[in-house]
N, C-alpha and C. Protein backbone atom coordinates (compact mmCIF):
# COMPACT_ATOMS: atom_id res chain seq x y z
N MET A 1 -4.68 -0.34 52.20
CA MET A 1 -5.16 1.02 52.00
C MET A 1 -4.08 1.97 52.49
N THR A 2 -3.85 2.98 51.74
CA THR A 2 -2.85 3.96 52.14
C THR A 2 -3.47 4.99 53.06
N GLN A 3 -2.60 5.69 53.76
CA GLN A 3 -3.07 6.76 54.63
C GLN A 3 -3.74 7.84 53.78
N HIS A 4 -3.25 8.02 52.55
CA HIS A 4 -3.82 9.02 51.64
C HIS A 4 -5.29 8.73 51.38
N SER A 5 -5.65 7.48 51.11
CA SER A 5 -7.05 7.17 50.81
C SER A 5 -7.94 7.32 52.04
N SER A 6 -7.40 7.07 53.25
CA SER A 6 -8.21 7.29 54.45
C SER A 6 -8.47 8.77 54.65
N TYR A 7 -7.48 9.61 54.35
CA TYR A 7 -7.70 11.06 54.43
C TYR A 7 -8.73 11.51 53.41
N ARG A 8 -8.68 10.93 52.23
CA ARG A 8 -9.63 11.29 51.18
C ARG A 8 -11.05 10.93 51.62
N PHE A 9 -11.22 9.77 52.21
CA PHE A 9 -12.53 9.31 52.67
C PHE A 9 -13.07 10.24 53.76
N LEU A 10 -12.24 10.56 54.74
CA LEU A 10 -12.64 11.45 55.83
C LEU A 10 -12.90 12.86 55.31
N THR A 11 -12.12 13.32 54.35
CA THR A 11 -12.32 14.65 53.76
C THR A 11 -13.67 14.74 53.09
N ARG A 12 -14.09 13.69 52.39
CA ARG A 12 -15.40 13.68 51.75
C ARG A 12 -16.52 13.78 52.79
N LEU A 13 -16.36 13.10 53.91
CA LEU A 13 -17.35 13.18 54.98
C LEU A 13 -17.45 14.60 55.51
N ILE A 14 -16.32 15.22 55.75
CA ILE A 14 -16.29 16.60 56.28
C ILE A 14 -16.88 17.57 55.26
N LEU A 15 -16.55 17.39 53.98
CA LEU A 15 -17.11 18.26 52.95
C LEU A 15 -18.63 18.12 52.85
N ALA A 16 -19.13 16.90 52.98
CA ALA A 16 -20.59 16.70 52.96
C ALA A 16 -21.24 17.48 54.10
N LEU A 17 -20.65 17.40 55.27
CA LEU A 17 -21.16 18.13 56.44
C LEU A 17 -21.11 19.63 56.22
N GLU A 18 -19.99 20.13 55.74
CA GLU A 18 -19.83 21.57 55.55
C GLU A 18 -20.76 22.12 54.47
N MET A 19 -20.99 21.34 53.41
CA MET A 19 -21.90 21.79 52.36
C MET A 19 -23.32 21.91 52.90
N MET A 20 -23.71 21.01 53.79
CA MET A 20 -25.05 21.10 54.37
C MET A 20 -25.14 22.30 55.30
N LEU A 21 -24.09 22.57 56.05
CA LEU A 21 -24.08 23.76 56.90
C LEU A 21 -24.22 25.02 56.05
N ASP A 22 -23.54 25.07 54.91
CA ASP A 22 -23.67 26.21 54.01
C ASP A 22 -25.10 26.34 53.50
N GLY A 23 -25.75 25.21 53.26
CA GLY A 23 -27.15 25.24 52.83
C GLY A 23 -28.04 25.90 53.87
N PHE A 24 -27.79 25.64 55.15
CA PHE A 24 -28.57 26.29 56.20
C PHE A 24 -28.32 27.79 56.22
N GLU A 25 -27.11 28.19 55.88
CA GLU A 25 -26.79 29.62 55.83
C GLU A 25 -27.61 30.33 54.76
N LEU A 26 -27.93 29.62 53.68
CA LEU A 26 -28.71 30.22 52.60
C LEU A 26 -30.19 30.32 52.92
N LYS A 27 -30.65 29.52 53.86
CA LYS A 27 -32.06 29.50 54.25
C LYS A 27 -32.25 30.29 55.53
N ASP A 28 -33.46 30.74 55.76
CA ASP A 28 -33.79 31.42 57.01
C ASP A 28 -34.17 30.36 58.03
N THR A 29 -33.23 30.03 58.91
CA THR A 29 -33.46 28.97 59.89
C THR A 29 -33.41 29.51 61.31
N GLU A 30 -33.91 30.70 61.50
CA GLU A 30 -33.86 31.32 62.82
C GLU A 30 -34.72 30.59 63.85
N LEU A 31 -35.62 29.72 63.39
CA LEU A 31 -36.46 28.97 64.32
C LEU A 31 -35.71 27.82 64.98
N MET A 32 -34.53 27.51 64.47
CA MET A 32 -33.72 26.42 64.98
C MET A 32 -32.46 26.95 65.64
N SER A 33 -32.05 26.31 66.71
CA SER A 33 -30.78 26.71 67.32
C SER A 33 -29.63 26.25 66.44
N GLN A 34 -28.50 26.88 66.62
CA GLN A 34 -27.32 26.52 65.84
C GLN A 34 -26.90 25.08 66.13
N ASP A 35 -27.06 24.65 67.39
CA ASP A 35 -26.73 23.27 67.74
C ASP A 35 -27.60 22.27 66.98
N VAL A 36 -28.89 22.57 66.85
CA VAL A 36 -29.79 21.66 66.12
C VAL A 36 -29.43 21.67 64.64
N GLU A 37 -29.16 22.83 64.07
CA GLU A 37 -28.75 22.91 62.67
C GLU A 37 -27.52 22.05 62.42
N GLU A 38 -26.51 22.23 63.26
CA GLU A 38 -25.27 21.47 63.09
C GLU A 38 -25.51 19.99 63.34
N GLY A 39 -26.38 19.67 64.28
CA GLY A 39 -26.71 18.28 64.55
C GLY A 39 -27.40 17.62 63.37
N ILE A 40 -28.33 18.34 62.74
CA ILE A 40 -29.01 17.81 61.55
C ILE A 40 -27.98 17.55 60.45
N CYS A 41 -27.04 18.46 60.30
CA CYS A 41 -26.00 18.27 59.29
C CYS A 41 -25.14 17.05 59.61
N GLN A 42 -24.85 16.83 60.89
CA GLN A 42 -24.10 15.64 61.28
C GLN A 42 -24.88 14.37 60.95
N VAL A 43 -26.18 14.39 61.21
CA VAL A 43 -27.02 13.22 60.92
C VAL A 43 -27.03 12.96 59.41
N LEU A 44 -27.19 14.01 58.62
CA LEU A 44 -27.20 13.85 57.16
C LEU A 44 -25.83 13.38 56.64
N ALA A 45 -24.76 13.90 57.22
CA ALA A 45 -23.42 13.43 56.83
C ALA A 45 -23.26 11.95 57.21
N ASP A 46 -23.82 11.57 58.34
CA ASP A 46 -23.79 10.17 58.77
C ASP A 46 -24.57 9.30 57.79
N MET A 47 -25.70 9.81 57.31
CA MET A 47 -26.49 9.07 56.32
C MET A 47 -25.70 8.93 55.01
N TRP A 48 -25.00 10.00 54.61
CA TRP A 48 -24.15 9.93 53.42
C TRP A 48 -23.09 8.85 53.61
N LEU A 49 -22.47 8.85 54.78
CA LEU A 49 -21.44 7.87 55.08
C LEU A 49 -22.02 6.46 54.98
N GLY A 50 -23.23 6.27 55.50
CA GLY A 50 -23.88 4.97 55.40
C GLY A 50 -24.08 4.54 53.95
N SER A 51 -24.45 5.49 53.09
CA SER A 51 -24.63 5.15 51.67
C SER A 51 -23.30 4.77 51.03
N GLN A 52 -22.22 5.41 51.45
CA GLN A 52 -20.90 5.06 50.91
C GLN A 52 -20.48 3.67 51.36
N ILE A 53 -20.79 3.34 52.60
CA ILE A 53 -20.47 2.00 53.11
C ILE A 53 -21.25 0.95 52.34
N LEU A 54 -22.54 1.21 52.11
CA LEU A 54 -23.35 0.27 51.32
C LEU A 54 -22.77 0.08 49.93
N SER A 55 -22.34 1.17 49.30
CA SER A 55 -21.79 1.05 47.95
C SER A 55 -20.48 0.27 47.97
N MET A 56 -19.72 0.35 49.06
CA MET A 56 -18.48 -0.41 49.16
C MET A 56 -18.75 -1.91 49.28
N PHE A 57 -19.89 -2.26 49.85
CA PHE A 57 -20.23 -3.67 50.01
C PHE A 57 -21.00 -4.20 48.81
N GLY A 58 -21.14 -3.36 47.77
CA GLY A 58 -21.73 -3.84 46.53
C GLY A 58 -23.23 -3.75 46.47
N SER A 59 -23.87 -2.94 47.31
CA SER A 59 -25.32 -2.80 47.25
C SER A 59 -25.70 -2.13 45.94
N ASN A 60 -26.59 -2.74 45.16
CA ASN A 60 -27.01 -2.18 43.88
C ASN A 60 -27.68 -0.83 44.04
N ALA A 61 -28.51 -0.66 45.07
CA ALA A 61 -29.23 0.59 45.27
C ALA A 61 -28.26 1.73 45.54
N ALA A 62 -27.27 1.49 46.38
CA ALA A 62 -26.34 2.56 46.73
C ALA A 62 -25.37 2.83 45.58
N SER A 63 -24.94 1.79 44.87
CA SER A 63 -23.93 2.01 43.84
C SER A 63 -24.48 2.77 42.64
N THR A 64 -25.77 2.74 42.42
CA THR A 64 -26.32 3.48 41.29
C THR A 64 -26.39 4.97 41.56
N THR A 65 -26.37 5.37 42.83
CA THR A 65 -26.46 6.78 43.15
C THR A 65 -25.11 7.40 43.50
N SER A 66 -24.10 6.59 43.72
CA SER A 66 -22.81 7.15 44.12
C SER A 66 -22.05 7.64 42.90
N SER A 67 -21.12 8.55 43.15
CA SER A 67 -20.33 9.10 42.06
C SER A 67 -19.41 8.03 41.48
N SER A 68 -18.94 8.25 40.27
CA SER A 68 -18.10 7.26 39.61
C SER A 68 -16.80 7.04 40.38
N SER A 69 -16.30 8.07 41.04
CA SER A 69 -15.05 7.91 41.80
C SER A 69 -15.25 7.03 43.02
N MET A 70 -16.49 6.98 43.54
CA MET A 70 -16.75 6.15 44.71
C MET A 70 -17.13 4.72 44.31
N LYS A 71 -17.39 4.45 43.03
CA LYS A 71 -17.80 3.13 42.58
C LYS A 71 -16.64 2.16 42.49
N ARG A 72 -15.41 2.67 42.43
CA ARG A 72 -14.30 1.76 42.25
C ARG A 72 -14.20 0.82 43.46
N SER A 73 -13.61 -0.27 43.26
CA SER A 73 -13.50 -1.31 44.27
C SER A 73 -12.75 -0.80 45.50
N ARG A 74 -13.26 -1.13 46.67
CA ARG A 74 -12.63 -0.71 47.91
C ARG A 74 -12.02 -1.91 48.61
N SER A 75 -10.94 -1.68 49.31
CA SER A 75 -10.30 -2.74 50.06
C SER A 75 -11.11 -3.04 51.33
N PRO A 76 -10.97 -4.24 51.87
CA PRO A 76 -11.64 -4.56 53.13
C PRO A 76 -11.27 -3.59 54.25
N LEU A 77 -10.02 -3.13 54.23
CA LEU A 77 -9.58 -2.19 55.26
C LEU A 77 -10.30 -0.85 55.13
N GLU A 78 -10.50 -0.40 53.89
CA GLU A 78 -11.20 0.86 53.68
C GLU A 78 -12.67 0.74 54.10
N ARG A 79 -13.26 -0.41 53.85
CA ARG A 79 -14.64 -0.64 54.31
C ARG A 79 -14.71 -0.57 55.83
N LYS A 80 -13.74 -1.18 56.48
CA LYS A 80 -13.71 -1.15 57.95
C LYS A 80 -13.55 0.28 58.45
N LEU A 81 -12.76 1.06 57.74
CA LEU A 81 -12.57 2.46 58.12
C LEU A 81 -13.88 3.22 58.03
N GLY A 82 -14.65 3.00 56.97
CA GLY A 82 -15.95 3.65 56.83
C GLY A 82 -16.88 3.28 57.96
N VAL A 83 -16.93 2.01 58.30
CA VAL A 83 -17.77 1.55 59.41
C VAL A 83 -17.31 2.18 60.72
N PHE A 84 -15.99 2.28 60.90
CA PHE A 84 -15.45 2.91 62.11
C PHE A 84 -15.86 4.37 62.21
N PHE A 85 -15.72 5.13 61.11
CA PHE A 85 -16.11 6.55 61.13
C PHE A 85 -17.59 6.69 61.47
N LYS A 86 -18.43 5.84 60.87
CA LYS A 86 -19.87 5.90 61.13
C LYS A 86 -20.15 5.60 62.61
N HIS A 87 -19.48 4.62 63.14
CA HIS A 87 -19.63 4.27 64.55
C HIS A 87 -19.23 5.45 65.44
N GLN A 88 -18.13 6.10 65.09
CA GLN A 88 -17.66 7.25 65.88
C GLN A 88 -18.66 8.39 65.88
N VAL A 89 -19.24 8.68 64.72
CA VAL A 89 -20.22 9.77 64.61
C VAL A 89 -21.44 9.45 65.47
N GLU A 90 -21.95 8.23 65.34
CA GLU A 90 -23.21 7.87 66.01
C GLU A 90 -23.07 7.72 67.52
N LEU A 91 -21.90 7.33 68.01
CA LEU A 91 -21.75 7.06 69.44
C LEU A 91 -20.87 8.09 70.16
N ASP A 92 -20.62 9.22 69.51
CA ASP A 92 -19.80 10.27 70.12
C ASP A 92 -20.43 10.73 71.43
N THR A 93 -19.66 10.70 72.50
CA THR A 93 -20.18 11.10 73.81
C THR A 93 -19.78 12.51 74.20
N SER A 94 -19.10 13.22 73.31
CA SER A 94 -18.64 14.57 73.65
C SER A 94 -19.84 15.50 73.83
N PRO A 95 -19.72 16.46 74.73
CA PRO A 95 -20.83 17.40 74.94
C PRO A 95 -21.16 18.22 73.71
N VAL A 96 -20.19 18.48 72.86
CA VAL A 96 -20.46 19.31 71.68
C VAL A 96 -20.98 18.45 70.54
N TYR A 97 -20.14 17.60 69.98
CA TYR A 97 -20.53 16.86 68.78
C TYR A 97 -21.57 15.78 69.08
N GLY A 98 -21.41 15.07 70.16
CA GLY A 98 -22.38 14.03 70.50
C GLY A 98 -23.76 14.59 70.79
N ASN A 99 -23.81 15.65 71.58
CA ASN A 99 -25.11 16.25 71.91
C ASN A 99 -25.76 16.88 70.68
N ARG A 100 -24.96 17.51 69.83
CA ARG A 100 -25.51 18.10 68.60
C ARG A 100 -26.08 17.01 67.70
N TYR A 101 -25.36 15.90 67.57
CA TYR A 101 -25.84 14.80 66.74
C TYR A 101 -27.19 14.30 67.26
N ARG A 102 -27.28 14.08 68.57
CA ARG A 102 -28.53 13.59 69.15
C ARG A 102 -29.66 14.61 69.01
N ALA A 103 -29.35 15.90 69.17
CA ALA A 103 -30.38 16.93 68.99
C ALA A 103 -30.85 16.97 67.54
N GLY A 104 -29.93 16.84 66.61
CA GLY A 104 -30.28 16.81 65.20
C GLY A 104 -31.12 15.61 64.85
N LYS A 105 -30.78 14.46 65.41
CA LYS A 105 -31.53 13.24 65.15
C LYS A 105 -32.96 13.37 65.68
N GLN A 106 -33.11 13.95 66.88
CA GLN A 106 -34.44 14.17 67.45
C GLN A 106 -35.25 15.12 66.58
N ALA A 107 -34.62 16.17 66.09
CA ALA A 107 -35.31 17.15 65.24
C ALA A 107 -35.79 16.48 63.95
N ILE A 108 -34.96 15.63 63.37
CA ILE A 108 -35.35 14.93 62.14
C ILE A 108 -36.50 13.97 62.41
N LEU A 109 -36.47 13.30 63.54
CA LEU A 109 -37.54 12.35 63.88
C LEU A 109 -38.87 13.06 64.11
N LYS A 110 -38.82 14.31 64.58
CA LYS A 110 -40.06 15.08 64.80
C LYS A 110 -40.60 15.51 63.47
């Protein structure tokens, strides 16, 4: 896998997150703190990442919903990269991103 394709994969994850944040901007979400909004977006981006990982491993359910550009065959290294990014998102211990992710996950569970 080239460095270019790893940037492309990470860019898609960031774009998924940013598009969800823009969606919150269009809605009246004053009942939620900005940290919870951003955390929910992180959780949803993490879910998107999970669907991409499933499609890379050949899951029929995930591959039917993914875009044609994501259906092409992925190298084992690229699959490992996806799993690594997902692991990083879910286990982030930083006070900003980690706490927002956990707050978003709690909000979704409620």
